[in-house]
N, C-alpha and C. Protein backbone atom coordinates (compact mmCIF):
# COMPACT_ATOMS: atom_id res chain seq x y z
N UNK A 1 0.85 -1.19 0.00
CA UNK A 1 0.00 0.00 0.00
C UNK A 1 0.89 1.25 0.00
N UNK A 2 0.62 2.18 -0.91
CA UNK A 2 1.44 3.39 -1.05
C UNK A 2 0.79 4.51 -0.24
N UNK A 3 1.58 5.08 0.67
CA UNK A 3 1.06 6.17 1.49
C UNK A 3 1.36 7.50 0.81
N UNK A 4 0.39 8.32 0.69
CA UNK A 4 0.54 9.63 0.05
C UNK A 4 0.49 10.71 1.11
N UNK A 5 1.45 11.61 1.07
CA UNK A 5 1.47 12.73 2.01
C UNK A 5 0.71 13.90 1.42
N UNK A 6 0.03 14.68 2.24
CA UNK A 6 -0.73 15.82 1.72
C UNK A 6 0.21 16.86 1.10
N UNK A 7 -0.29 17.50 0.08
CA UNK A 7 0.51 18.52 -0.61
C UNK A 7 0.69 19.75 0.27
N UNK A 8 1.89 20.31 0.22
CA UNK A 8 2.18 21.52 1.00
C UNK A 8 2.02 22.78 0.16
N UNK A 9 1.53 22.64 -1.05
CA UNK A 9 1.37 23.80 -1.93
C UNK A 9 0.48 24.87 -1.33
N UNK A 10 -0.68 24.52 -0.72
CA UNK A 10 -1.50 25.58 -0.10
C UNK A 10 -0.75 26.34 0.99
N UNK A 11 0.09 25.63 1.77
CA UNK A 11 0.85 26.29 2.83
C UNK A 11 1.84 27.28 2.24
N UNK A 12 2.57 26.84 1.18
CA UNK A 12 3.54 27.73 0.54
C UNK A 12 2.84 28.95 -0.07
N UNK A 13 1.69 28.71 -0.69
CA UNK A 13 0.95 29.82 -1.29
C UNK A 13 0.51 30.82 -0.23
N UNK A 14 0.10 30.32 0.95
CA UNK A 14 -0.31 31.22 2.03
C UNK A 14 0.86 32.06 2.52
N UNK A 15 2.04 31.44 2.66
CA UNK A 15 3.22 32.17 3.13
C UNK A 15 3.61 33.26 2.14
N UNK A 16 3.61 32.92 0.85
CA UNK A 16 3.95 33.92 -0.18
C UNK A 16 2.94 35.06 -0.16
N UNK A 17 1.65 34.73 -0.05
CA UNK A 17 0.61 35.76 -0.02
C UNK A 17 0.78 36.66 1.19
N UNK A 18 1.16 36.08 2.33
CA UNK A 18 1.35 36.88 3.54
C UNK A 18 2.48 37.88 3.38
N UNK A 19 3.58 37.45 2.74
CA UNK A 19 4.69 38.37 2.50
C UNK A 19 4.30 39.46 1.52
N UNK A 20 3.54 39.11 0.50
CA UNK A 20 3.14 40.10 -0.50
C UNK A 20 2.22 41.14 0.10
N UNK A 21 1.30 40.70 0.97
CA UNK A 21 0.33 41.61 1.55
C UNK A 21 0.88 42.42 2.72
N UNK A 22 2.08 42.05 3.17
CA UNK A 22 2.67 42.75 4.32
C UNK A 22 3.04 44.17 3.92
N UNK A 23 2.55 45.15 4.64
CA UNK A 23 2.83 46.55 4.31
C UNK A 23 4.22 46.92 4.79
N UNK A 24 4.96 47.59 3.92
CA UNK A 24 6.31 48.04 4.26
C UNK A 24 6.35 49.56 4.24
N UNK A 25 7.20 50.17 5.05
CA UNK A 25 7.30 51.63 5.02
C UNK A 25 7.84 52.11 3.68
N UNK A 26 7.26 53.20 3.19
CA UNK A 26 7.66 53.73 1.89
C UNK A 26 8.20 55.13 2.06
N UNK A 27 9.24 55.47 1.30
CA UNK A 27 9.83 56.80 1.32
C UNK A 27 9.40 57.54 0.06
N UNK A 28 9.35 58.87 0.18
CA UNK A 28 8.85 59.67 -0.94
C UNK A 28 9.80 59.61 -2.13
N UNK A 29 11.11 59.62 -1.89
CA UNK A 29 12.02 59.65 -3.02
C UNK A 29 13.10 58.58 -2.94
N UNK A 30 13.85 58.56 -1.85
CA UNK A 30 14.92 57.58 -1.71
C UNK A 30 14.50 56.45 -0.79
N UNK A 31 14.82 55.25 -1.18
CA UNK A 31 14.60 54.10 -0.30
C UNK A 31 15.80 53.98 0.64
N UNK A 32 15.54 54.01 1.93
CA UNK A 32 16.62 53.94 2.90
C UNK A 32 17.11 52.51 3.05
N UNK A 33 18.40 52.32 2.82
CA UNK A 33 19.00 51.00 2.97
C UNK A 33 19.56 50.79 4.37
N UNK A 34 19.69 51.87 5.13
CA UNK A 34 20.30 51.77 6.44
C UNK A 34 21.82 51.79 6.41
N UNK A 35 22.40 51.94 5.22
CA UNK A 35 23.86 51.93 5.07
C UNK A 35 24.40 53.30 4.66
N UNK A 36 23.58 54.32 4.72
CA UNK A 36 24.04 55.66 4.39
C UNK A 36 23.52 56.15 3.05
N UNK A 37 23.64 57.46 2.81
CA UNK A 37 23.08 58.06 1.59
C UNK A 37 23.74 57.56 0.30
N UNK A 38 25.02 57.19 0.34
CA UNK A 38 25.69 56.70 -0.86
C UNK A 38 24.99 55.45 -1.39
N UNK A 39 24.74 54.51 -0.48
CA UNK A 39 24.08 53.28 -0.89
C UNK A 39 22.59 53.49 -1.16
N UNK A 40 21.99 54.49 -0.50
CA UNK A 40 20.61 54.82 -0.81
C UNK A 40 20.48 55.26 -2.27
N UNK A 41 21.39 56.12 -2.72
CA UNK A 41 21.37 56.56 -4.11
C UNK A 41 21.64 55.43 -5.07
N UNK A 42 22.57 54.56 -4.72
CA UNK A 42 22.90 53.42 -5.57
C UNK A 42 21.69 52.50 -5.73
N UNK A 43 21.03 52.19 -4.62
CA UNK A 43 19.87 51.31 -4.68
C UNK A 43 18.69 51.98 -5.36
N UNK A 44 18.59 53.29 -5.23
CA UNK A 44 17.50 54.00 -5.91
C UNK A 44 17.60 53.82 -7.42
N UNK A 45 18.81 53.89 -7.94
CA UNK A 45 19.00 53.70 -9.38
C UNK A 45 18.68 52.26 -9.77
N UNK A 46 19.16 51.30 -9.02
CA UNK A 46 18.96 49.90 -9.36
C UNK A 46 17.50 49.47 -9.26
N UNK A 47 16.70 50.22 -8.50
CA UNK A 47 15.30 49.87 -8.32
C UNK A 47 14.36 50.78 -9.12
N UNK A 48 14.91 51.57 -10.05
CA UNK A 48 14.10 52.49 -10.85
C UNK A 48 14.18 52.09 -12.32
N UNK A 49 13.19 51.36 -12.83
CA UNK A 49 13.23 50.94 -14.25
C UNK A 49 13.28 52.11 -15.22
N UNK A 50 12.64 53.23 -14.88
CA UNK A 50 12.66 54.39 -15.77
C UNK A 50 14.06 54.94 -15.95
N UNK A 51 14.94 54.68 -14.98
CA UNK A 51 16.32 55.15 -15.07
C UNK A 51 17.24 54.08 -15.65
N UNK A 52 17.14 52.88 -15.14
CA UNK A 52 18.12 51.85 -15.47
C UNK A 52 17.96 51.33 -16.90
N UNK A 53 16.74 51.25 -17.41
CA UNK A 53 16.53 50.68 -18.75
C UNK A 53 17.13 51.58 -19.84
N UNK A 54 16.86 52.90 -19.86
CA UNK A 54 17.51 53.73 -20.88
C UNK A 54 19.04 53.73 -20.78
N UNK A 55 19.56 53.69 -19.56
CA UNK A 55 21.02 53.65 -19.40
C UNK A 55 21.57 52.35 -19.99
N UNK A 56 20.90 51.25 -19.71
CA UNK A 56 21.34 49.97 -20.26
C UNK A 56 21.26 49.96 -21.78
N UNK A 57 20.18 50.53 -22.33
CA UNK A 57 20.03 50.59 -23.78
C UNK A 57 21.15 51.40 -24.41
N UNK A 58 21.48 52.53 -23.81
CA UNK A 58 22.57 53.36 -24.35
C UNK A 58 23.90 52.63 -24.26
N UNK A 59 24.14 51.93 -23.16
CA UNK A 59 25.39 51.18 -22.99
C UNK A 59 25.50 50.08 -24.05
N UNK A 60 24.43 49.36 -24.29
CA UNK A 60 24.45 48.30 -25.30
C UNK A 60 24.64 48.88 -26.70
N UNK A 61 23.98 49.99 -26.97
CA UNK A 61 24.13 50.64 -28.27
C UNK A 61 25.58 51.10 -28.48
N UNK A 62 26.17 51.71 -27.45
CA UNK A 62 27.56 52.14 -27.56
C UNK A 62 28.49 50.95 -27.74
N UNK A 63 28.20 49.86 -27.04
CA UNK A 63 29.03 48.67 -27.19
C UNK A 63 28.97 48.09 -28.59
N UNK A 64 27.79 48.11 -29.22
CA UNK A 64 27.68 47.63 -30.60
C UNK A 64 28.50 48.47 -31.57
N UNK A 65 28.62 49.75 -31.28
CA UNK A 65 29.33 50.65 -32.19
C UNK A 65 30.85 50.56 -32.03
N UNK A 66 31.33 50.12 -30.87
CA UNK A 66 32.77 49.97 -30.71
C UNK A 66 33.29 50.52 -29.40
N UNK A 67 34.57 50.28 -29.14
CA UNK A 67 35.18 50.65 -27.86
C UNK A 67 35.19 52.16 -27.65
N UNK A 68 35.45 52.93 -28.70
CA UNK A 68 35.49 54.39 -28.54
C UNK A 68 34.13 54.94 -28.14
N UNK A 69 33.07 54.38 -28.69
CA UNK A 69 31.72 54.79 -28.31
C UNK A 69 31.44 54.42 -26.86
N UNK A 70 31.86 53.23 -26.46
CA UNK A 70 31.65 52.79 -25.09
C UNK A 70 32.37 53.69 -24.10
N UNK A 71 33.62 54.08 -24.42
CA UNK A 71 34.36 54.97 -23.52
C UNK A 71 33.69 56.33 -23.44
N UNK A 72 33.18 56.84 -24.57
CA UNK A 72 32.53 58.15 -24.55
C UNK A 72 31.27 58.12 -23.69
N UNK A 73 30.46 57.07 -23.84
CA UNK A 73 29.26 56.96 -23.01
C UNK A 73 29.61 56.75 -21.55
N UNK A 74 30.69 56.02 -21.29
CA UNK A 74 31.10 55.70 -19.92
C UNK A 74 31.39 56.95 -19.11
N UNK A 75 31.96 57.98 -19.76
CA UNK A 75 32.32 59.18 -19.02
C UNK A 75 31.30 60.31 -19.20
N UNK A 76 30.64 60.36 -20.35
CA UNK A 76 29.70 61.46 -20.59
C UNK A 76 28.44 61.32 -19.76
N UNK A 77 27.83 60.13 -19.76
CA UNK A 77 26.56 59.95 -19.08
C UNK A 77 26.65 60.17 -17.57
N UNK A 78 27.62 59.57 -16.86
CA UNK A 78 27.68 59.83 -15.41
C UNK A 78 27.93 61.29 -15.06
N UNK A 79 28.80 61.96 -15.83
CA UNK A 79 29.07 63.37 -15.55
C UNK A 79 27.82 64.21 -15.77
N UNK A 80 27.12 63.96 -16.88
CA UNK A 80 25.90 64.70 -17.16
C UNK A 80 24.84 64.42 -16.09
N UNK A 81 24.76 63.17 -15.65
CA UNK A 81 23.79 62.81 -14.61
C UNK A 81 24.12 63.53 -13.31
N UNK A 82 25.40 63.61 -12.98
CA UNK A 82 25.83 64.29 -11.77
C UNK A 82 25.47 65.78 -11.83
N UNK A 83 25.76 66.41 -12.96
CA UNK A 83 25.45 67.84 -13.10
C UNK A 83 23.95 68.08 -13.05
N UNK A 84 23.19 67.23 -13.73
CA UNK A 84 21.75 67.38 -13.69
C UNK A 84 21.18 67.16 -12.30
N UNK A 85 21.73 66.18 -11.58
CA UNK A 85 21.27 65.92 -10.22
C UNK A 85 21.57 67.08 -9.29
N UNK A 86 22.76 67.65 -9.39
CA UNK A 86 23.10 68.80 -8.55
C UNK A 86 22.23 70.00 -8.88
N UNK A 87 21.91 70.18 -10.16
CA UNK A 87 21.00 71.27 -10.54
C UNK A 87 19.60 71.02 -10.00
N UNK A 88 19.18 69.78 -9.98
CA UNK A 88 17.84 69.47 -9.48
C UNK A 88 17.68 69.67 -7.99
N UNK A 89 18.78 69.65 -7.25
CA UNK A 89 18.69 69.83 -5.80
C UNK A 89 18.14 71.20 -5.43
N UNK A 90 18.33 72.18 -6.30
CA UNK A 90 17.85 73.54 -6.00
C UNK A 90 16.41 73.76 -6.46
N UNK A 91 15.83 72.80 -7.15
CA UNK A 91 14.45 72.93 -7.63
C UNK A 91 13.48 72.47 -6.56
N UNK A 92 12.32 73.08 -6.54
CA UNK A 92 11.31 72.74 -5.55
C UNK A 92 10.55 71.47 -5.93
N UNK A 93 10.17 71.37 -7.20
CA UNK A 93 9.38 70.21 -7.63
C UNK A 93 9.52 70.05 -9.14
N UNK A 94 9.43 68.83 -9.58
CA UNK A 94 9.43 68.51 -11.01
C UNK A 94 8.76 67.17 -11.20
N UNK A 95 7.84 67.12 -12.12
CA UNK A 95 7.10 65.88 -12.37
C UNK A 95 7.53 65.29 -13.69
N UNK A 96 8.05 64.07 -13.71
CA UNK A 96 8.45 63.46 -14.99
C UNK A 96 7.25 63.26 -15.91
N UNK A 97 7.42 63.65 -17.15
CA UNK A 97 6.34 63.51 -18.12
C UNK A 97 6.35 62.09 -18.68
N UNK A 98 5.22 61.40 -18.66
CA UNK A 98 5.21 60.00 -19.14
C UNK A 98 5.56 59.87 -20.60
N UNK A 99 5.23 60.90 -21.41
CA UNK A 99 5.55 60.83 -22.83
C UNK A 99 7.06 60.88 -23.06
N UNK A 100 7.76 61.67 -22.24
CA UNK A 100 9.22 61.77 -22.39
C UNK A 100 9.88 60.46 -21.97
N UNK A 101 9.40 59.86 -20.89
CA UNK A 101 9.94 58.58 -20.45
C UNK A 101 9.74 57.52 -21.53
N UNK A 102 8.55 57.49 -22.13
CA UNK A 102 8.28 56.54 -23.20
C UNK A 102 9.15 56.84 -24.42
N UNK A 103 9.39 58.13 -24.68
CA UNK A 103 10.20 58.51 -25.84
C UNK A 103 11.64 58.01 -25.71
N UNK A 104 12.20 58.05 -24.48
CA UNK A 104 13.56 57.53 -24.27
C UNK A 104 13.61 56.04 -24.54
N UNK A 105 12.61 55.30 -24.08
CA UNK A 105 12.55 53.86 -24.34
C UNK A 105 12.47 53.60 -25.83
N UNK A 106 11.58 54.33 -26.52
CA UNK A 106 11.39 54.12 -27.96
C UNK A 106 12.64 54.49 -28.74
N UNK A 107 13.23 55.63 -28.41
CA UNK A 107 14.39 56.11 -29.17
C UNK A 107 15.59 55.19 -29.00
N UNK A 108 16.00 54.96 -27.77
CA UNK A 108 17.19 54.15 -27.53
C UNK A 108 16.95 52.69 -27.87
N UNK A 109 15.77 52.17 -27.54
CA UNK A 109 15.46 50.79 -27.91
C UNK A 109 15.39 50.61 -29.41
N UNK A 110 14.81 51.59 -30.12
CA UNK A 110 14.74 51.51 -31.57
C UNK A 110 16.11 51.58 -32.23
N UNK A 111 16.96 52.49 -31.74
CA UNK A 111 18.32 52.58 -32.29
C UNK A 111 19.10 51.30 -32.05
N UNK A 112 18.92 50.71 -30.88
CA UNK A 112 19.62 49.47 -30.56
C UNK A 112 19.10 48.32 -31.42
N UNK A 113 17.80 48.23 -31.58
CA UNK A 113 17.22 47.15 -32.38
C UNK A 113 17.64 47.25 -33.84
N UNK A 114 17.75 48.48 -34.33
CA UNK A 114 18.13 48.69 -35.74
C UNK A 114 19.64 48.65 -35.95
N UNK A 115 20.41 48.56 -34.85
CA UNK A 115 21.88 48.62 -34.94
C UNK A 115 22.27 49.85 -35.74
N UNK A 116 21.68 51.00 -35.36
CA UNK A 116 21.85 52.24 -36.11
C UNK A 116 23.31 52.68 -36.11
N UNK A 117 23.78 53.09 -37.28
CA UNK A 117 25.16 53.55 -37.44
C UNK A 117 25.26 55.03 -37.11
N UNK A 118 25.04 55.37 -35.86
CA UNK A 118 25.09 56.76 -35.45
C UNK A 118 26.53 57.17 -35.19
N UNK A 119 26.78 58.47 -35.29
CA UNK A 119 28.14 58.98 -35.12
C UNK A 119 28.49 59.09 -33.64
N UNK A 120 29.77 59.33 -33.40
CA UNK A 120 30.23 59.48 -32.03
C UNK A 120 29.64 60.74 -31.40
N UNK A 121 29.46 61.79 -32.19
CA UNK A 121 28.87 63.02 -31.68
C UNK A 121 27.42 62.80 -31.26
N UNK A 122 26.67 62.07 -32.06
CA UNK A 122 25.27 61.80 -31.72
C UNK A 122 25.19 60.96 -30.44
N UNK A 123 26.07 59.98 -30.32
CA UNK A 123 26.10 59.16 -29.10
C UNK A 123 26.41 60.02 -27.88
N UNK A 124 27.37 60.93 -28.03
CA UNK A 124 27.70 61.83 -26.93
C UNK A 124 26.53 62.72 -26.57
N UNK A 125 25.84 63.26 -27.58
CA UNK A 125 24.68 64.12 -27.32
C UNK A 125 23.56 63.35 -26.63
N UNK A 126 23.32 62.12 -27.06
CA UNK A 126 22.29 61.31 -26.42
C UNK A 126 22.63 61.04 -24.95
N UNK A 127 23.90 60.72 -24.70
CA UNK A 127 24.33 60.45 -23.33
C UNK A 127 24.19 61.70 -22.46
N UNK A 128 24.56 62.86 -23.01
CA UNK A 128 24.46 64.10 -22.24
C UNK A 128 23.01 64.46 -21.95
N UNK A 129 22.14 64.36 -22.94
CA UNK A 129 20.74 64.70 -22.74
C UNK A 129 20.07 63.75 -21.76
N UNK A 130 20.35 62.46 -21.92
CA UNK A 130 19.77 61.47 -21.00
C UNK A 130 20.23 61.73 -19.58
N UNK A 131 21.52 62.00 -19.41
CA UNK A 131 22.06 62.22 -18.08
C UNK A 131 21.51 63.47 -17.42
N UNK A 132 21.46 64.58 -18.15
CA UNK A 132 20.98 65.83 -17.56
C UNK A 132 19.50 65.72 -17.20
N UNK A 133 18.70 65.13 -18.10
CA UNK A 133 17.26 65.03 -17.85
C UNK A 133 16.95 64.14 -16.64
N UNK A 134 17.47 62.92 -16.66
CA UNK A 134 17.17 62.00 -15.56
C UNK A 134 17.88 62.42 -14.27
N UNK A 135 19.06 62.97 -14.39
CA UNK A 135 19.75 63.45 -13.19
C UNK A 135 18.98 64.57 -12.52
N UNK A 136 18.43 65.47 -13.32
CA UNK A 136 17.64 66.57 -12.76
C UNK A 136 16.42 66.03 -12.02
N UNK A 137 15.72 65.08 -12.64
CA UNK A 137 14.55 64.49 -11.98
C UNK A 137 14.93 63.77 -10.70
N UNK A 138 16.08 63.10 -10.69
CA UNK A 138 16.54 62.42 -9.48
C UNK A 138 16.89 63.40 -8.37
N UNK A 139 17.45 64.54 -8.76
CA UNK A 139 17.89 65.51 -7.75
C UNK A 139 16.77 66.24 -7.06
N UNK A 140 15.65 66.41 -7.77
CA UNK A 140 14.53 67.16 -7.20
C UNK A 140 13.94 66.40 -6.01
N UNK A 141 13.81 67.09 -4.89
CA UNK A 141 13.15 66.52 -3.73
C UNK A 141 13.98 65.56 -2.92
N UNK A 142 15.29 65.51 -3.14
CA UNK A 142 16.12 64.58 -2.36
C UNK A 142 16.37 65.05 -0.94
N UNK A 143 16.19 66.33 -0.69
CA UNK A 143 16.37 66.81 0.68
C UNK A 143 17.58 67.72 0.81
N UNK A 144 18.24 67.67 1.96
CA UNK A 144 19.37 68.55 2.25
C UNK A 144 20.52 68.29 1.28
N UNK A 145 21.23 69.36 0.96
CA UNK A 145 22.26 69.27 -0.07
C UNK A 145 23.35 68.29 0.31
N UNK A 146 23.81 68.31 1.56
CA UNK A 146 24.93 67.46 1.95
C UNK A 146 24.58 65.98 1.79
N UNK A 147 23.44 65.58 2.29
CA UNK A 147 23.04 64.17 2.19
C UNK A 147 22.69 63.80 0.76
N UNK A 148 21.94 64.68 0.09
CA UNK A 148 21.49 64.38 -1.27
C UNK A 148 22.66 64.30 -2.25
N UNK A 149 23.67 65.13 -2.08
CA UNK A 149 24.81 65.10 -3.00
C UNK A 149 25.57 63.78 -2.88
N UNK A 150 25.66 63.24 -1.67
CA UNK A 150 26.30 61.94 -1.49
C UNK A 150 25.45 60.84 -2.14
N UNK A 151 24.13 60.95 -2.01
CA UNK A 151 23.25 59.98 -2.65
C UNK A 151 23.39 60.03 -4.16
N UNK A 152 23.53 61.22 -4.72
CA UNK A 152 23.71 61.34 -6.17
C UNK A 152 25.02 60.71 -6.60
N UNK A 153 26.06 60.86 -5.78
CA UNK A 153 27.33 60.21 -6.09
C UNK A 153 27.19 58.69 -6.14
N UNK A 154 26.43 58.13 -5.20
CA UNK A 154 26.18 56.69 -5.23
C UNK A 154 25.42 56.28 -6.47
N UNK A 155 24.45 57.08 -6.85
CA UNK A 155 23.67 56.80 -8.06
C UNK A 155 24.55 56.84 -9.30
N UNK A 156 25.40 57.86 -9.37
CA UNK A 156 26.31 58.01 -10.52
C UNK A 156 27.31 56.86 -10.57
N UNK A 157 27.76 56.41 -9.41
CA UNK A 157 28.67 55.26 -9.37
C UNK A 157 28.01 54.01 -9.96
N UNK A 158 26.75 53.80 -9.62
CA UNK A 158 26.02 52.65 -10.17
C UNK A 158 25.90 52.76 -11.69
N UNK A 159 25.66 53.97 -12.18
CA UNK A 159 25.57 54.18 -13.63
C UNK A 159 26.90 53.87 -14.30
N UNK A 160 27.98 54.35 -13.71
CA UNK A 160 29.31 54.12 -14.27
C UNK A 160 29.61 52.62 -14.38
N UNK A 161 29.31 51.89 -13.31
CA UNK A 161 29.58 50.44 -13.30
C UNK A 161 28.71 49.72 -14.34
N UNK A 162 27.44 50.10 -14.43
CA UNK A 162 26.54 49.44 -15.38
C UNK A 162 27.00 49.66 -16.81
N UNK A 163 27.37 50.89 -17.14
CA UNK A 163 27.82 51.17 -18.51
C UNK A 163 29.11 50.43 -18.80
N UNK A 164 30.03 50.44 -17.84
CA UNK A 164 31.31 49.75 -18.05
C UNK A 164 31.11 48.27 -18.32
N UNK A 165 30.27 47.63 -17.54
CA UNK A 165 30.06 46.19 -17.69
C UNK A 165 29.31 45.87 -18.99
N UNK A 166 28.21 46.59 -19.24
CA UNK A 166 27.37 46.29 -20.40
C UNK A 166 28.10 46.59 -21.71
N UNK A 167 28.72 47.76 -21.80
CA UNK A 167 29.41 48.13 -23.03
C UNK A 167 30.60 47.21 -23.29
N UNK A 168 31.37 46.92 -22.26
CA UNK A 168 32.53 46.04 -22.43
C UNK A 168 32.10 44.64 -22.86
N UNK A 169 30.99 44.17 -22.33
CA UNK A 169 30.49 42.84 -22.71
C UNK A 169 30.12 42.80 -24.20
N UNK A 170 29.45 43.86 -24.68
CA UNK A 170 28.99 43.86 -26.07
C UNK A 170 30.14 44.11 -27.04
N UNK A 171 31.11 44.93 -26.64
CA UNK A 171 32.23 45.25 -27.54
C UNK A 171 32.95 43.98 -27.99
N UNK A 172 33.06 43.01 -27.11
CA UNK A 172 33.81 41.80 -27.42
C UNK A 172 32.98 40.73 -28.14
N UNK A 173 31.73 41.02 -28.41
CA UNK A 173 30.90 40.05 -29.13
C UNK A 173 31.26 40.05 -30.61
N UNK A 174 31.54 38.89 -31.14
CA UNK A 174 31.88 38.77 -32.56
C UNK A 174 30.87 37.92 -33.33
N UNK A 175 30.26 36.96 -32.67
CA UNK A 175 29.29 36.09 -33.34
C UNK A 175 28.04 36.88 -33.71
N UNK A 176 27.53 36.63 -34.91
CA UNK A 176 26.35 37.34 -35.38
C UNK A 176 25.14 37.08 -34.49
N UNK A 177 24.98 35.83 -34.04
CA UNK A 177 23.81 35.51 -33.23
C UNK A 177 23.83 36.26 -31.91
N UNK A 178 25.04 36.50 -31.35
CA UNK A 178 25.14 37.21 -30.09
C UNK A 178 24.77 38.68 -30.26
N UNK A 179 25.23 39.28 -31.36
CA UNK A 179 24.88 40.67 -31.61
C UNK A 179 23.38 40.82 -31.91
N UNK A 180 22.82 39.83 -32.58
CA UNK A 180 21.38 39.84 -32.84
C UNK A 180 20.60 39.75 -31.53
N UNK A 181 21.10 38.96 -30.59
CA UNK A 181 20.44 38.85 -29.29
C UNK A 181 20.41 40.20 -28.58
N UNK A 182 21.49 40.97 -28.70
CA UNK A 182 21.52 42.30 -28.11
C UNK A 182 20.50 43.20 -28.79
N UNK A 183 20.36 43.08 -30.10
CA UNK A 183 19.38 43.89 -30.83
C UNK A 183 17.95 43.48 -30.46
N UNK A 184 17.75 42.20 -30.19
CA UNK A 184 16.43 41.76 -29.74
C UNK A 184 16.08 42.41 -28.40
N UNK A 185 17.07 42.53 -27.52
CA UNK A 185 16.84 43.23 -26.26
C UNK A 185 16.40 44.67 -26.52
N UNK A 186 16.98 45.29 -27.54
CA UNK A 186 16.55 46.64 -27.91
C UNK A 186 15.11 46.68 -28.38
N UNK A 187 14.70 45.67 -29.13
CA UNK A 187 13.30 45.63 -29.58
C UNK A 187 12.35 45.49 -28.40
N UNK A 188 12.76 44.75 -27.37
CA UNK A 188 11.92 44.62 -26.17
C UNK A 188 11.81 45.97 -25.45
N UNK A 189 12.92 46.70 -25.41
CA UNK A 189 12.89 48.02 -24.77
C UNK A 189 11.97 48.96 -25.55
N UNK A 190 12.07 48.93 -26.88
CA UNK A 190 11.20 49.77 -27.70
C UNK A 190 9.74 49.37 -27.51
N UNK A 191 9.48 48.07 -27.44
CA UNK A 191 8.11 47.61 -27.22
C UNK A 191 7.59 48.09 -25.86
N UNK A 192 8.45 48.09 -24.86
CA UNK A 192 8.05 48.61 -23.55
C UNK A 192 7.71 50.10 -23.65
N UNK A 193 8.47 50.82 -24.47
CA UNK A 193 8.16 52.24 -24.67
C UNK A 193 6.81 52.44 -25.33
N UNK A 194 6.47 51.57 -26.27
CA UNK A 194 5.14 51.65 -26.89
C UNK A 194 4.04 51.41 -25.87
N UNK A 195 4.25 50.43 -25.00
CA UNK A 195 3.26 50.16 -23.96
C UNK A 195 3.13 51.36 -23.01
N UNK A 196 4.26 51.95 -22.64
CA UNK A 196 4.22 53.12 -21.77
C UNK A 196 3.50 54.28 -22.44
N UNK A 197 3.75 54.45 -23.75
CA UNK A 197 3.10 55.54 -24.47
C UNK A 197 1.60 55.32 -24.55
N UNK A 198 1.20 54.08 -24.84
CA UNK A 198 -0.23 53.78 -24.89
C UNK A 198 -0.91 53.98 -23.56
N UNK A 199 -0.24 53.59 -22.48
CA UNK A 199 -0.81 53.77 -21.16
C UNK A 199 -0.92 55.24 -20.81
N UNK A 200 0.10 56.05 -21.21
CA UNK A 200 0.06 57.48 -20.93
C UNK A 200 -1.08 58.16 -21.67
N UNK A 201 -1.31 57.76 -22.93
CA UNK A 201 -2.41 58.32 -23.71
C UNK A 201 -3.75 57.91 -23.11
N UNK A 202 -3.83 56.67 -22.66
CA UNK A 202 -5.10 56.16 -22.11
C UNK A 202 -5.49 56.88 -20.82
N UNK A 203 -4.49 57.21 -20.01
CA UNK A 203 -4.78 57.79 -18.70
C UNK A 203 -4.91 59.31 -18.73
N UNK A 204 -4.72 59.94 -19.84
CA UNK A 204 -4.85 61.41 -19.92
C UNK A 204 -6.31 61.80 -20.12
């Protein structure tokens, strides 16, 4: 006679549901990690899809174009983000426009999917505009200058590391299928931008 033990799936489902329904404290702008403002800024970037996805798309696009493009994006974007963030600290309020966020996804994702042969100047301009715009939005409402400036440094450090890793990874790709896989990622980013745009139009 075979003895069957009761399934524990309902118990696991209950535990997962309890964790999901558990209310956690929320911060208006920065999520406190308990490790200081530097790590707060770093984690803020890593947990913000509106920030991290365009940065990743630009890094992959620069990597497809070559090492010189990757180096230019590596230094231009973090510096522009830092300047924009410091400028945003003096602003009282700024609301990100959903159409602009969707436009960044569409533009960078589309260029990446098409493997667009853009010039080094255009890549630099894109990196500077992306950095100043998103940096400004990140800087607004962060609080006191001393603490917020350290948080922005942590955020910029995360951007620098992400670009360095992503661009360096793509630069060394030689197989056609691998480069196509990177372009497919760009198409997903562009598709996400279309969804964001449709949602923004629907909710207006």
